[in-house]
């Protein structure tokens, strides 16, 4: 099953050099264990464009969909046999990046 682990922060690109070293080491361990699918950091919500094409005209709006102090600053996608393994990976990732994280299974993946 695949799980999305969202990294929660109040700014983008805020990792210190020590945190980046720990994240790189964690990523290497996840890859070696076969859990790694994909990961990435995200720019600030102010760089987002919201698109609504439900009506007769497409509407493009600059900025975030939601105004919030905290947001998803990055993410991992892990392959794990069950939620317990995904939670352990997420806990290790939280420790490495020194941020709170949220774990969610992909739809149709045992949810």
C-alpha atoms as a PDB file:
ATOM      1  CA  UNK A   1       0.000   0.000   0.000  1.00  0.00           C
ATOM      2  CA  UNK A   2       1.139   3.537  -0.618  1.00  0.00           C
ATOM      3  CA  UNK A   3       1.004   6.347   1.909  1.00  0.00           C
ATOM      4  CA  UNK A   4       1.413  10.100   1.579  1.00  0.00           C
ATOM      5  CA  UNK A   5       3.417  11.637   4.408  1.00  0.00           C
ATOM      6  CA  UNK A   6       2.947  15.411   4.371  1.00  0.00           C
ATOM      7  CA  UNK A   7       5.504  17.629   6.106  1.00  0.00           C
ATOM      8  CA  UNK A   8       3.808  20.481   7.972  1.00  0.00           C
ATOM      9  CA  UNK A   9       5.616  23.820   8.355  1.00  0.00           C
ATOM     10  CA  UNK A  10       4.931  27.546   8.390  1.00  0.00           C
ATOM     11  CA  UNK A  11       7.535  28.359   5.728  1.00  0.00           C
ATOM     12  CA  UNK A  12       9.222  26.687   2.769  1.00  0.00           C
ATOM     13  CA  UNK A  13      12.881  25.834   2.459  1.00  0.00           C
ATOM     14  CA  UNK A  14      13.447  26.282   6.185  1.00  0.00           C
ATOM     15  CA  UNK A  15      15.519  23.155   6.831  1.00  0.00           C
ATOM     16  CA  UNK A  16      18.903  23.750   8.431  1.00  0.00           C
ATOM     17  CA  UNK A  17      22.055  22.093   7.111  1.00  0.00           C
ATOM     18  CA  UNK A  18      21.869  19.537   9.944  1.00  0.00           C
ATOM     19  CA  UNK A  19      18.210  18.796   9.143  1.00  0.00           C
ATOM     20  CA  UNK A  20      19.036  18.358   5.446  1.00  0.00           C
ATOM     21  CA  UNK A  21      21.806  15.907   6.363  1.00  0.00           C
ATOM     22  CA  UNK A  22      19.368  13.945   8.542  1.00  0.00           C
ATOM     23  CA  UNK A  23      16.709  14.014   5.799  1.00  0.00           C
ATOM     24  CA  UNK A  24      19.199  12.759   3.213  1.00  0.00           C
ATOM     25  CA  UNK A  25      20.228   9.905   5.536  1.00  0.00           C
ATOM     26  CA  UNK A  26      16.582   9.030   6.219  1.00  0.00           C
ATOM     27  CA  UNK A  27      15.795   9.076   2.486  1.00  0.00           C
ATOM     28  CA  UNK A  28      18.717   6.749   1.778  1.00  0.00           C
ATOM     29  CA  UNK A  29      17.487   4.311   4.448  1.00  0.00           C
ATOM     30  CA  UNK A  30      13.931   4.387   3.055  1.00  0.00           C
ATOM     31  CA  UNK A  31      15.267   3.727  -0.445  1.00  0.00           C
ATOM     32  CA  UNK A  32      17.490   0.876   0.730  1.00  0.00           C
ATOM     33  CA  UNK A  33      14.553  -0.722   2.574  1.00  0.00           C
ATOM     34  CA  UNK A  34      12.345  -0.542  -0.533  1.00  0.00           C
ATOM     35  CA  UNK A  35       9.820   1.916   0.936  1.00  0.00           C
ATOM     36  CA  UNK A  36      10.762   4.926  -1.184  1.00  0.00           C
ATOM     37  CA  UNK A  37       8.407   5.900  -4.012  1.00  0.00           C
ATOM     38  CA  UNK A  38       8.869   9.659  -4.342  1.00  0.00           C
ATOM     39  CA  UNK A  39       9.515  12.773  -2.258  1.00  0.00           C
ATOM     40  CA  UNK A  40       9.742  16.491  -2.781  1.00  0.00           C
ATOM     41  CA  UNK A  41       9.686  19.909  -1.220  1.00  0.00           C
ATOM     42  CA  UNK A  42       7.115  22.505  -2.191  1.00  0.00           C
ATOM     43  CA  UNK A  43       7.383  26.248  -2.661  1.00  0.00           C
ATOM     44  CA  UNK A  44       5.297  28.566  -0.490  1.00  0.00           C
ATOM     45  CA  UNK A  45       1.517  28.649  -1.035  1.00  0.00           C
ATOM     46  CA  UNK A  46       1.879  32.181  -2.404  1.00  0.00           C
ATOM     47  CA  UNK A  47       3.375  30.587  -5.545  1.00  0.00           C
ATOM     48  CA  UNK A  48       0.266  28.441  -6.121  1.00  0.00           C
ATOM     49  CA  UNK A  49      -2.396  28.886  -8.771  1.00  0.00           C
ATOM     50  CA  UNK A  50      -5.886  27.560  -8.096  1.00  0.00           C
ATOM     51  CA  UNK A  51      -7.818  26.465 -11.198  1.00  0.00           C
ATOM     52  CA  UNK A  52     -11.592  26.021 -11.285  1.00  0.00           C
ATOM     53  CA  UNK A  53     -12.911  24.669 -14.576  1.00  0.00           C
ATOM     54  CA  UNK A  54     -16.315  23.518 -13.309  1.00  0.00           C
ATOM     55  CA  UNK A  55     -18.302  26.318 -14.915  1.00  0.00           C
ATOM     56  CA  UNK A  56     -18.584  27.794 -18.365  1.00  0.00           C
ATOM     57  CA  UNK A  57     -15.242  29.590 -18.034  1.00  0.00           C
ATOM     58  CA  UNK A  58     -11.955  28.494 -16.504  1.00  0.00           C
ATOM     59  CA  UNK A  59     -11.019  30.596 -13.490  1.00  0.00           C
ATOM     60  CA  UNK A  60      -7.351  30.984 -12.507  1.00  0.00           C
ATOM     61  CA  UNK A  61      -6.634  32.502  -9.096  1.00  0.00           C
ATOM     62  CA  UNK A  62      -3.184  33.352  -7.752  1.00  0.00           C
ATOM     63  CA  UNK A  63      -2.250  32.213  -4.285  1.00  0.00           C
ATOM     64  CA  UNK A  64      -3.308  29.400  -2.024  1.00  0.00           C
ATOM     65  CA  UNK A  65      -6.673  27.678  -1.984  1.00  0.00           C
ATOM     66  CA  UNK A  66      -6.776  28.019   1.797  1.00  0.00           C
ATOM     67  CA  UNK A  67      -5.317  30.739   3.981  1.00  0.00           C
ATOM     68  CA  UNK A  68      -3.441  29.050   6.803  1.00  0.00           C
ATOM     69  CA  UNK A  69      -0.421  29.675   9.023  1.00  0.00           C
ATOM     70  CA  UNK A  70       0.820  26.135   8.437  1.00  0.00           C
ATOM     71  CA  UNK A  71       0.792  24.198   5.194  1.00  0.00           C
ATOM     72  CA  UNK A  72       2.303  21.244   3.367  1.00  0.00           C
ATOM     73  CA  UNK A  73       5.935  22.212   2.803  1.00  0.00           C
ATOM     74  CA  UNK A  74       7.019  18.845   1.427  1.00  0.00           C
ATOM     75  CA  UNK A  75       6.047  15.207   1.239  1.00  0.00           C
ATOM     76  CA  UNK A  76       7.109  11.599   0.931  1.00  0.00           C
ATOM     77  CA  UNK A  77       5.254   8.773  -0.764  1.00  0.00           C
ATOM     78  CA  UNK A  78       6.105   5.434   0.808  1.00  0.00           C
ATOM     79  CA  UNK A  79       5.290   1.867  -0.054  1.00  0.00           C
ATOM     80  CA  UNK A  80       4.527  -0.044   3.148  1.00  0.00           C
ATOM     81  CA  UNK A  81       2.789  -3.365   3.868  1.00  0.00           C
ATOM     82  CA  UNK A  82       0.486  -1.778   6.455  1.00  0.00           C
ATOM     83  CA  UNK A  83      -0.293   1.362   8.452  1.00  0.00           C
ATOM     84  CA  UNK A  84       2.002   0.379  11.331  1.00  0.00           C
ATOM     85  CA  UNK A  85       5.034   0.349   9.039  1.00  0.00           C
ATOM     86  CA  UNK A  86       3.917   3.628   7.420  1.00  0.00           C
ATOM     87  CA  UNK A  87       3.560   5.241  10.857  1.00  0.00           C
ATOM     88  CA  UNK A  88       7.053   4.097  11.861  1.00  0.00           C
ATOM     89  CA  UNK A  89       8.482   5.524   8.630  1.00  0.00           C
ATOM     90  CA  UNK A  90       6.596   8.783   9.210  1.00  0.00           C
ATOM     91  CA  UNK A  91       7.854   8.998  12.806  1.00  0.00           C
ATOM     92  CA  UNK A  92      11.431   8.549  11.576  1.00  0.00           C
ATOM     93  CA  UNK A  93      10.829  11.154   8.862  1.00  0.00           C
ATOM     94  CA  UNK A  94       9.399  13.594  11.406  1.00  0.00           C
ATOM     95  CA  UNK A  95      12.499  13.144  13.527  1.00  0.00           C
ATOM     96  CA  UNK A  96      14.802  13.648  10.532  1.00  0.00           C
ATOM     97  CA  UNK A  97      13.145  16.824   9.258  1.00  0.00           C
ATOM     98  CA  UNK A  98      12.251  18.141  12.734  1.00  0.00           C
ATOM     99  CA  UNK A  99       8.679  18.901  11.640  1.00  0.00           C
ATOM    100  CA  UNK A 100       5.217  17.490  12.270  1.00  0.00           C
ATOM    101  CA  UNK A 101       3.944  15.145   9.574  1.00  0.00           C
ATOM    102  CA  UNK A 102       0.577  13.723   8.537  1.00  0.00           C
ATOM    103  CA  UNK A 103       0.119  10.185   7.171  1.00  0.00           C
ATOM    104  CA  UNK A 104      -2.675   9.316   4.757  1.00  0.00           C
ATOM    105  CA  UNK A 105      -3.205   6.178   2.677  1.00  0.00           C
ATOM    106  CA  UNK A 106      -3.967   6.645  -0.978  1.00  0.00           C
ATOM    107  CA  UNK A 107      -7.600   6.063  -1.879  1.00  0.00           C
ATOM    108  CA  UNK A 108      -8.242   2.431  -2.644  1.00  0.00           C
ATOM    109  CA  UNK A 109      -5.149   1.459  -0.682  1.00  0.00           C
ATOM    110  CA  UNK A 110      -6.874  -0.037   2.347  1.00  0.00           C
ATOM    111  CA  UNK A 111      -8.607   3.119   3.502  1.00  0.00           C
END
